[in-house]
């Protein structure tokens, strides 16, 4: 069936969403995905550019034009295989990657209308393929060398997947009791269902990757221990799990969480499935979340589902919010309040040591700072108080120092990030590689995966020439 060429530039196929009133009653996924008909229709909007710029915008260099062309023909499994050539976690990336800032922003169709919905199509073909049987990765000739992957987040999963394809004997070590890293403990069920992550992890297991949970490298085992156990190379993908705080008076009161701890408690303790899992997280009636990035939106929308009235507190205006526009819109639809141009000053507790309110000051925007965003300035005499039962601080996180403190020869920068070569992932210790948030600081899932792939290639080159 032909498509009117002009229709390609009008608008993308809309994706169904869970009804607003149903969202806050549970943790069901909000975005419901495309039907087969919608996927084919959207794929036909692609112009099949001779030099597809969209591919240049992808951190793992997916052959976007080719997978979309296969989708347009209804060859969904073939499209999935095309994505998997470059991307180990397409069902994940199709849900959580900021495509609007990466591949889609480069789409030529977007010059006259909405860009092709590359992320939605990636999600569709991945979900379709996950319902089918797959041919396992079988290595007839083993590389005969052992590699340890530390951390089972996006960087670790991507690195392990690439090394498995090259037939290395890979063992992945995870500190928590379930693999998946930030995909499991950091991103809420309504945005990334845990079942999707488990499917991707299972795919790696079928490829021969062994996973050891409840092992903290730097405590349970050291990097030296891993080499003594026969591993010839080590990849460090331990992420950025150390939360930052603002240093406010009263920040140590009961009921004040980092976003990292709050989301981990809800995700890994299955608080979102209470009373099936008897591990509720108390939030009270009023929750405030400081920050306006994607993690802040995740924390706010999670607290809303746990029954609270929720406000985002952000010292700049909505225009400067770093969160994805889609996440901000969903938060508004779910009844999250936004207190913009408001700066937290101190936290006040009750006589039992629990938070009861937060004092903020109204701000106005001045000249741009070094980031290019207008610098917020306090308005004298504009203080106000907000009642809170729970306060979540979501202002960023850095690398956990456990590995680096136990490995003094591992070079780090002034922020504690591991220094690694951009082209190979090699660190200051021969045979030790690193990538993802532990190197760059908090970034996107797909960028961490790209770093994992680069490191896998670096490890392969190192072991081949060793």
Protein backbone atom coordinates (compact mmCIF):
# COMPACT_ATOMS: atom_id res chain seq x y z
CA UNK A 1 0.00 0.00 0.00
CA UNK A 2 1.42 3.36 -0.99
CA UNK A 3 1.53 6.31 1.37
CA UNK A 4 0.88 9.92 0.40
CA UNK A 5 4.35 11.48 0.51
CA UNK A 6 2.93 14.64 2.07
CA UNK A 7 1.56 12.57 4.98
CA UNK A 8 5.10 11.70 5.98
CA UNK A 9 5.68 15.27 7.11
CA UNK A 10 2.46 15.85 9.01
CA UNK A 11 2.64 13.84 12.21
CA UNK A 12 3.69 10.53 13.63
CA UNK A 13 1.39 7.70 14.61
CA UNK A 14 0.12 8.42 18.14
CA UNK A 15 0.86 5.82 20.79
CA UNK A 16 -1.86 4.75 23.21
CA UNK A 17 -1.35 5.64 26.88
CA UNK A 18 -2.90 4.21 30.00
CA UNK A 19 -5.81 6.38 31.09
CA UNK A 20 -4.84 9.12 33.55
CA UNK A 21 -7.14 7.94 36.33
CA UNK A 22 -5.80 4.37 36.10
CA UNK A 23 -2.14 5.32 36.26
CA UNK A 24 -1.96 6.49 39.85
CA UNK A 25 -3.85 3.43 41.11
CA UNK A 26 -0.96 1.11 40.30
CA UNK A 27 2.35 0.67 38.53
CA UNK A 28 1.18 -0.60 35.14
CA UNK A 29 3.18 0.66 32.18
CA UNK A 30 1.93 4.06 30.98
CA UNK A 31 2.99 3.92 27.32
CA UNK A 32 1.19 0.98 25.69
CA UNK A 33 3.14 0.68 22.43
CA UNK A 34 2.17 0.41 18.77
CA UNK A 35 -0.02 -2.16 17.05
CA UNK A 36 1.36 -3.93 13.97
CA UNK A 37 -0.65 -1.64 11.72
CA UNK A 38 0.60 1.49 13.49
CA UNK A 39 4.21 0.32 13.33
CA UNK A 40 4.03 -0.32 9.59
CA UNK A 41 2.31 3.02 8.98
CA UNK A 42 4.89 4.92 11.04
CA UNK A 43 7.80 3.09 9.42
CA UNK A 44 6.54 4.15 5.99
CA UNK A 45 7.10 7.78 6.97
CA UNK A 46 10.86 7.15 6.70
CA UNK A 47 12.45 8.74 3.61
CA UNK A 48 15.20 6.07 3.38
CA UNK A 49 17.87 8.77 3.17
CA UNK A 50 20.99 7.88 1.23
CA UNK A 51 23.08 9.20 4.11
CA UNK A 52 20.91 8.67 7.19
CA UNK A 53 21.83 11.29 9.77
CA UNK A 54 19.67 9.53 12.36
CA UNK A 55 22.27 6.77 12.59
CA UNK A 56 24.97 9.31 13.44
CA UNK A 57 22.85 10.43 16.39
CA UNK A 58 22.74 6.92 17.88
CA UNK A 59 25.47 6.23 20.48
CA UNK A 60 25.65 2.56 19.43
CA UNK A 61 25.27 3.29 15.69
CA UNK A 62 22.16 1.17 15.01
CA UNK A 63 21.37 0.73 11.29
CA UNK A 64 18.18 2.73 11.74
CA UNK A 65 17.21 3.10 8.09
CA UNK A 66 17.52 -0.64 7.49
CA UNK A 67 15.53 -1.75 10.55
CA UNK A 68 12.76 0.73 9.76
CA UNK A 69 12.61 -0.45 6.13
CA UNK A 70 12.17 -4.05 7.35
CA UNK A 71 9.47 -2.89 9.76
CA UNK A 72 7.62 -1.15 6.94
CA UNK A 73 7.55 -4.49 5.10
CA UNK A 74 6.15 -6.27 8.16
CA UNK A 75 9.42 -8.18 8.66
CA UNK A 76 9.50 -7.56 12.39
CA UNK A 77 11.85 -10.39 13.40
CA UNK A 78 14.33 -9.36 10.73
CA UNK A 79 14.08 -5.76 11.94
CA UNK A 80 14.77 -6.93 15.50
CA UNK A 81 17.83 -8.89 14.38
CA UNK A 82 19.11 -5.82 12.56
CA UNK A 83 18.86 -3.77 15.76
CA UNK A 84 20.49 -6.53 17.83
CA UNK A 85 23.57 -6.39 15.62
CA UNK A 86 24.45 -3.13 17.40
CA UNK A 87 22.17 -2.87 20.45
CA UNK A 88 22.06 -5.51 23.18
CA UNK A 89 18.98 -4.05 24.93
CA UNK A 90 16.53 -2.75 22.31
CA UNK A 91 13.36 -3.31 24.36
CA UNK A 92 14.91 -1.23 27.13
CA UNK A 93 16.26 1.53 24.89
CA UNK A 94 12.98 1.81 23.02
CA UNK A 95 11.39 2.83 26.34
CA UNK A 96 13.91 4.94 28.23
CA UNK A 97 16.35 6.48 25.75
CA UNK A 98 15.96 10.19 24.95
CA UNK A 99 15.57 9.61 21.21
CA UNK A 100 14.33 13.17 20.80
CA UNK A 101 17.85 14.36 21.67
CA UNK A 102 19.76 11.68 19.75
CA UNK A 103 18.56 9.86 16.63
CA UNK A 104 15.21 11.60 16.13
CA UNK A 105 16.63 15.11 16.33
CA UNK A 106 18.67 14.27 13.22
CA UNK A 107 15.69 12.87 11.25
CA UNK A 108 15.12 14.74 7.96
CA UNK A 109 11.35 14.21 8.22
CA UNK A 110 11.49 16.34 11.35
CA UNK A 111 12.48 19.41 9.32
CA UNK A 112 8.89 19.78 8.03
CA UNK A 113 6.91 17.88 10.64
CA UNK A 114 7.38 15.38 13.43
CA UNK A 115 10.41 13.10 13.06
CA UNK A 116 9.91 9.39 12.52
CA UNK A 117 9.18 7.73 15.88
CA UNK A 118 12.41 5.71 15.90
CA UNK A 119 12.21 4.85 19.59
CA UNK A 120 8.62 3.65 19.39
CA UNK A 121 9.46 1.46 16.41
CA UNK A 122 12.48 0.01 18.22
CA UNK A 123 10.24 -0.80 21.17
CA UNK A 124 7.59 -2.38 18.96
CA UNK A 125 9.85 -4.79 17.05
CA UNK A 126 11.65 -5.71 20.29
CA UNK A 127 8.41 -6.47 22.14
CA UNK A 128 7.19 -8.43 19.13
CA UNK A 129 10.39 -10.47 19.01
CA UNK A 130 10.39 -11.18 22.75
CA UNK A 131 7.18 -13.16 22.25
CA UNK A 132 8.91 -15.44 19.73
CA UNK A 133 11.56 -18.10 20.06
CA UNK A 134 15.13 -17.04 19.39
CA UNK A 135 18.15 -18.80 18.08
CA UNK A 136 20.66 -18.90 20.91
CA UNK A 137 24.20 -17.61 20.53
CA UNK A 138 26.27 -20.79 20.25
CA UNK A 139 30.04 -20.65 20.28
CA UNK A 140 31.46 -23.73 18.58
CA UNK A 141 35.02 -22.65 19.40
CA UNK A 142 35.58 -20.95 22.76
CA UNK A 143 38.00 -18.03 22.99
CA UNK A 144 39.41 -19.89 25.98
CA UNK A 145 39.82 -16.77 28.10
CA UNK A 146 37.91 -15.57 31.14
CA UNK A 147 36.64 -12.00 31.53
CA UNK A 148 34.96 -10.53 34.61
CA UNK A 149 32.28 -7.85 34.20
CA UNK A 150 31.60 -5.84 37.36
CA UNK A 151 28.12 -4.36 37.47
CA UNK A 152 25.06 -5.58 35.57
CA UNK A 153 23.65 -2.23 34.49
CA UNK A 154 23.51 -1.04 30.86
CA UNK A 155 27.29 -0.78 30.41
CA UNK A 156 27.95 -4.19 31.96
CA UNK A 157 25.15 -5.91 30.06
CA UNK A 158 26.33 -4.47 26.75
CA UNK A 159 29.95 -5.38 27.41
CA UNK A 160 29.03 -8.93 28.49
CA UNK A 161 26.80 -9.37 25.44
CA UNK A 162 29.54 -8.33 23.02
CA UNK A 163 32.11 -10.55 24.72
CA UNK A 164 29.69 -13.49 24.63
CA UNK A 165 29.36 -13.05 20.86
CA UNK A 166 33.14 -13.31 20.68
CA UNK A 167 32.96 -16.54 22.71
CA UNK A 168 34.73 -15.42 25.85
CA UNK A 169 34.00 -17.07 29.18
CA UNK A 170 32.20 -14.18 30.89
CA UNK A 171 31.18 -13.90 34.54
CA UNK A 172 29.20 -10.86 35.66
CA UNK A 173 29.27 -9.70 39.29
CA UNK A 174 26.34 -7.74 40.76
CA UNK A 175 26.20 -6.20 44.25
CA UNK A 176 22.42 -6.48 44.58
CA UNK A 177 20.37 -9.67 44.70
CA UNK A 178 19.05 -9.24 41.15
CA UNK A 179 20.92 -8.37 37.95
CA UNK A 180 19.99 -5.34 35.88
CA UNK A 181 21.59 -2.50 37.80
CA UNK A 182 19.85 0.85 37.44
CA UNK A 183 17.39 -0.73 35.01
CA UNK A 184 16.04 -2.79 37.91
CA UNK A 185 16.45 -0.54 40.94
CA UNK A 186 16.40 2.96 39.45
CA UNK A 187 13.68 3.07 36.79
CA UNK A 188 10.06 2.56 37.92
CA UNK A 189 7.90 -0.33 36.77
CA UNK A 190 5.46 2.00 35.00
CA UNK A 191 8.23 3.23 32.71
CA UNK A 192 10.30 0.06 32.33
CA UNK A 193 8.64 -3.21 33.40
CA UNK A 194 10.99 -5.50 35.29
CA UNK A 195 9.94 -8.39 33.07
CA UNK A 196 11.52 -6.67 30.07
CA UNK A 197 14.86 -6.35 31.87
CA UNK A 198 14.70 -9.99 33.00
CA UNK A 199 14.08 -11.11 29.41
CA UNK A 200 17.21 -9.28 28.26
CA UNK A 201 19.26 -10.72 31.15
CA UNK A 202 17.97 -14.21 30.33
CA UNK A 203 19.16 -13.75 26.75
CA UNK A 204 22.69 -13.19 28.08
CA UNK A 205 22.47 -16.27 30.29
CA UNK A 206 21.46 -18.34 27.28
CA UNK A 207 24.53 -16.97 25.52
CA UNK A 208 26.67 -18.44 28.30
CA UNK A 209 27.20 -15.41 30.56
CA UNK A 210 27.36 -16.45 34.22
CA UNK A 211 25.93 -14.01 36.78
CA UNK A 212 26.98 -13.87 40.43
CA UNK A 213 24.77 -11.65 42.62
CA UNK A 214 25.39 -10.35 46.15
CA UNK A 215 29.07 -9.84 45.37
CA UNK A 216 30.56 -6.39 46.06
CA UNK A 217 33.81 -5.93 44.18
CA UNK A 218 36.03 -3.95 46.53
CA UNK A 219 34.58 -5.72 49.58
CA UNK A 220 33.63 -9.35 48.87
CA UNK A 221 36.34 -9.64 46.22
CA UNK A 222 38.98 -7.23 44.94
CA UNK A 223 40.18 -6.72 41.39
CA UNK A 224 43.41 -8.50 42.38
CA UNK A 225 41.30 -11.45 43.55
CA UNK A 226 39.63 -11.61 40.15
CA UNK A 227 42.97 -11.84 38.36
CA UNK A 228 44.12 -14.53 40.80
CA UNK A 229 40.92 -16.45 40.00
CA UNK A 230 42.03 -16.70 36.39
CA UNK A 231 40.29 -13.75 34.79
CA UNK A 232 42.50 -12.16 32.16
CA UNK A 233 40.56 -8.90 31.88
CA UNK A 234 38.06 -6.99 34.02
CA UNK A 235 35.40 -4.49 32.97
CA UNK A 236 34.12 -2.01 35.57
CA UNK A 237 30.59 -0.80 34.90
CA UNK A 238 29.56 0.07 38.43
CA UNK A 239 27.56 3.17 37.50
CA UNK A 240 26.89 6.28 39.56
CA UNK A 241 25.11 5.09 42.68
CA UNK A 242 26.38 7.57 45.26
CA UNK A 243 23.70 10.24 45.77
CA UNK A 244 24.42 13.94 46.12
CA UNK A 245 22.72 16.12 48.74
CA UNK A 246 22.38 19.87 49.07
CA UNK A 247 23.84 20.25 52.54
CA UNK A 248 20.64 21.79 53.88
CA UNK A 249 19.98 22.17 57.57
CA UNK A 250 17.73 19.27 58.58
CA UNK A 251 18.63 17.08 55.61
CA UNK A 252 19.46 14.22 58.01
CA UNK A 253 15.94 14.05 59.45
CA UNK A 254 13.91 10.84 59.24
CA UNK A 255 11.79 10.84 56.12
CA UNK A 256 14.44 12.52 53.93
CA UNK A 257 15.59 10.19 51.14
CA UNK A 258 17.95 10.42 48.23
CA UNK A 259 16.09 9.56 45.03
CA UNK A 260 18.45 6.63 44.64
CA UNK A 261 17.44 5.11 47.99
CA UNK A 262 13.76 5.88 47.52
CA UNK A 263 13.51 4.24 44.11
CA UNK A 264 15.66 1.29 45.17
CA UNK A 265 13.41 0.60 48.16
CA UNK A 266 10.31 0.67 45.97
CA UNK A 267 11.80 -1.34 43.09
CA UNK A 268 13.90 -4.04 44.75
CA UNK A 269 11.60 -4.48 47.77
CA UNK A 270 8.58 -4.75 45.43
CA UNK A 271 6.76 -1.98 47.32
CA UNK A 272 4.86 -1.35 44.09
CA UNK A 273 3.19 -4.76 44.53
CA UNK A 274 2.03 -4.37 48.15
CA UNK A 275 0.30 -6.29 49.73
CA UNK A 276 1.50 -9.18 47.53
CA UNK A 277 4.97 -8.23 48.82
CA UNK A 278 4.72 -7.01 52.40
CA UNK A 279 7.40 -4.35 52.07
CA UNK A 280 5.57 -1.02 51.88
CA UNK A 281 7.41 2.30 51.77
CA UNK A 282 5.81 4.95 53.95
CA UNK A 283 5.41 8.29 52.19
CA UNK A 284 2.60 9.97 54.16
CA UNK A 285 0.20 12.48 52.65
CA UNK A 286 2.63 15.08 51.32
CA UNK A 287 5.82 14.42 49.35
CA UNK A 288 8.23 16.98 47.92
CA UNK A 289 10.92 16.11 45.38
CA UNK A 290 13.86 18.48 44.92
CA UNK A 291 15.14 18.48 41.34
CA UNK A 292 13.66 18.28 37.85
CA UNK A 293 15.61 15.65 35.95
CA UNK A 294 14.32 12.27 34.81
CA UNK A 295 15.17 10.72 38.19
CA UNK A 296 13.17 13.42 39.97
CA UNK A 297 10.18 12.71 37.71
CA UNK A 298 10.51 8.99 38.42
CA UNK A 299 10.56 9.62 42.17
CA UNK A 300 7.62 12.03 42.05
CA UNK A 301 5.45 9.77 39.90
CA UNK A 302 6.32 6.80 42.13
CA UNK A 303 5.32 8.69 45.29
CA UNK A 304 2.06 9.71 43.61
CA UNK A 305 1.26 6.06 43.01
CA UNK A 306 1.96 5.30 46.66
CA UNK A 307 -0.90 7.63 47.57
CA UNK A 308 0.68 11.00 48.28
CA UNK A 309 0.12 14.52 47.04
CA UNK A 310 3.41 15.37 45.34
CA UNK A 311 5.25 18.57 44.42
CA UNK A 312 8.41 19.05 42.38
CA UNK A 313 10.62 21.85 43.72
CA UNK A 314 12.95 23.38 41.12
CA UNK A 315 14.96 26.56 41.34
CA UNK A 316 14.71 27.42 37.65
CA UNK A 317 11.71 27.66 35.33
CA UNK A 318 10.07 24.76 33.49
CA UNK A 319 11.89 25.72 30.31
CA UNK A 320 15.22 24.83 31.95
CA UNK A 321 14.11 21.47 33.34
CA UNK A 322 16.54 18.73 32.23
CA UNK A 323 13.89 15.95 32.26
CA UNK A 324 12.43 14.66 29.01
CA UNK A 325 9.39 16.65 27.91
CA UNK A 326 7.41 13.43 27.77
CA UNK A 327 8.15 12.70 31.43
CA UNK A 328 7.16 16.23 32.48
CA UNK A 329 3.89 15.94 30.57
CA UNK A 330 3.10 12.56 32.14
CA UNK A 331 3.85 13.94 35.60
CA UNK A 332 1.41 16.80 35.04
CA UNK A 333 -1.26 14.43 33.73
CA UNK A 334 -0.87 12.38 36.91
CA UNK A 335 -1.43 15.34 39.19
CA UNK A 336 2.12 16.23 40.18
CA UNK A 337 2.42 19.88 41.28
CA UNK A 338 5.35 22.01 40.05
CA UNK A 339 6.89 24.69 42.26
CA UNK A 340 9.30 26.34 39.84
CA UNK A 341 11.66 29.21 40.64
CA UNK A 342 11.73 27.92 44.22
CA UNK A 343 14.95 27.17 46.08
CA UNK A 344 15.02 24.91 49.20
CA UNK A 345 16.61 26.63 52.21
CA UNK A 346 16.16 24.28 55.17
CA UNK A 347 14.21 21.26 56.38
CA UNK A 348 12.25 21.41 59.63
CA UNK A 349 11.43 18.38 61.75
CA UNK A 350 9.06 17.53 64.59
CA UNK A 351 9.93 16.63 68.17
CA UNK A 352 10.49 12.96 67.16
CA UNK A 353 13.04 13.79 64.49
CA UNK A 354 10.80 13.34 61.45
CA UNK A 355 10.55 15.86 58.62
CA UNK A 356 7.39 17.99 58.75
CA UNK A 357 8.03 20.93 56.41
CA UNK A 358 10.53 22.53 54.06
CA UNK A 359 11.32 26.22 53.80
CA UNK A 360 11.89 27.58 50.29
CA UNK A 361 12.66 30.95 48.75
CA UNK A 362 11.22 32.33 45.53
CA UNK A 363 13.74 32.90 42.74
CA UNK A 364 14.02 34.86 39.50
CA UNK A 365 16.23 34.18 36.49
CA UNK A 366 19.26 36.34 35.81
CA UNK A 367 22.12 36.07 33.33
CA UNK A 368 23.14 32.67 31.84
CA UNK A 369 25.73 30.62 33.74
CA UNK A 370 28.50 28.42 32.31
CA UNK A 371 25.92 25.78 31.30
CA UNK A 372 24.04 28.33 29.19
CA UNK A 373 21.01 28.31 31.46
CA UNK A 374 19.93 31.52 33.16
CA UNK A 375 21.23 31.69 36.70
CA UNK A 376 18.53 31.72 39.43
CA UNK A 377 18.69 34.62 41.89
CA UNK A 378 16.90 34.87 45.24
CA UNK A 379 14.07 37.35 45.76
CA UNK A 380 14.55 38.89 49.24
CA UNK A 381 11.71 38.34 51.68
CA UNK A 382 9.99 35.70 49.50
CA UNK A 383 10.35 32.69 51.82
CA UNK A 384 7.48 30.23 52.09
CA UNK A 385 6.88 26.89 53.84
CA UNK A 386 5.59 23.64 52.39
CA UNK A 387 4.30 20.78 54.62
CA UNK A 388 5.98 17.44 53.84
CA UNK A 389 5.88 13.94 55.33
CA UNK A 390 8.59 12.70 52.96
CA UNK A 391 11.31 14.65 51.14
CA UNK A 392 13.20 13.15 48.19
CA UNK A 393 16.43 14.79 47.04
CA UNK A 394 17.06 14.19 43.33
CA UNK A 395 19.97 16.47 42.44
CA UNK A 396 22.33 13.93 40.88
CA UNK A 397 24.72 11.19 41.88
CA UNK A 398 28.34 10.21 41.46
CA UNK A 399 30.41 7.01 41.37
CA UNK A 400 30.42 4.77 44.42
CA UNK A 401 34.02 4.79 45.72
CA UNK A 402 34.08 1.17 46.97
CA UNK A 403 36.01 -0.19 43.98
CA UNK A 404 38.41 2.72 43.64
CA UNK A 405 39.19 2.88 47.38
CA UNK A 406 40.12 -0.80 47.29
CA UNK A 407 42.24 -0.29 44.15
CA UNK A 408 44.69 2.57 44.78
CA UNK A 409 46.44 2.12 41.41
CA UNK A 410 43.19 2.85 39.56
CA UNK A 411 43.38 6.47 38.36
CA UNK A 412 40.36 8.70 38.97
CA UNK A 413 39.55 12.36 38.36
CA UNK A 414 38.68 14.97 41.00
CA UNK A 415 35.03 13.81 41.05
CA UNK A 416 35.99 10.19 41.70
CA UNK A 417 35.19 8.98 38.19
CA UNK A 418 37.48 6.31 36.79
CA UNK A 419 39.72 7.66 34.02
CA UNK A 420 39.36 5.49 30.91
CA UNK A 421 40.48 5.87 27.30
CA UNK A 422 37.55 7.00 25.13
CA UNK A 423 38.59 4.77 22.23
CA UNK A 424 39.22 1.53 24.13
CA UNK A 425 37.90 1.88 27.70
CA UNK A 426 41.38 1.04 29.07
CA UNK A 427 42.19 2.32 32.56
CA UNK A 428 45.52 2.95 34.31
CA UNK A 429 45.76 -0.77 35.20
CA UNK A 430 46.62 -3.19 32.36
CA UNK A 431 43.72 -5.53 31.68
CA UNK A 432 41.19 -3.37 33.56
CA UNK A 433 38.61 -1.50 31.50
CA UNK A 434 35.75 0.79 32.49
CA UNK A 435 32.77 2.51 30.94
CA UNK A 436 29.38 4.09 31.56
CA UNK A 437 28.41 6.38 34.41
CA UNK A 438 31.40 5.37 36.56
CA UNK A 439 33.55 7.11 33.92
CA UNK A 440 31.33 9.90 32.58
CA UNK A 441 29.07 10.61 35.54
CA UNK A 442 25.31 10.10 35.30
CA UNK A 443 24.25 9.89 31.63
CA UNK A 444 21.80 7.93 29.48
CA UNK A 445 21.28 4.18 29.20
CA UNK A 446 22.30 4.10 25.55
CA UNK A 447 25.52 6.06 26.15
CA UNK A 448 26.48 3.62 28.89
CA UNK A 449 25.79 0.76 26.50
CA UNK A 450 27.95 2.42 23.86
CA UNK A 451 30.80 2.60 26.36
CA UNK A 452 30.30 -1.08 27.21
CA UNK A 453 30.59 -2.00 23.54
CA UNK A 454 33.74 0.07 23.12
CA UNK A 455 35.31 -1.60 26.14
CA UNK A 456 34.40 -5.07 24.86
CA UNK A 457 36.23 -4.31 21.62
CA UNK A 458 39.16 -2.97 23.63
CA UNK A 459 39.26 -6.11 25.77
CA UNK A 460 39.10 -8.33 22.69
CA UNK A 461 42.00 -6.46 21.10
CA UNK A 462 44.00 -6.62 24.36
CA UNK A 463 43.49 -10.37 24.84
CA UNK A 464 44.07 -11.16 21.18
CA UNK A 465 47.43 -9.40 21.23
CA UNK A 466 48.40 -10.41 24.76
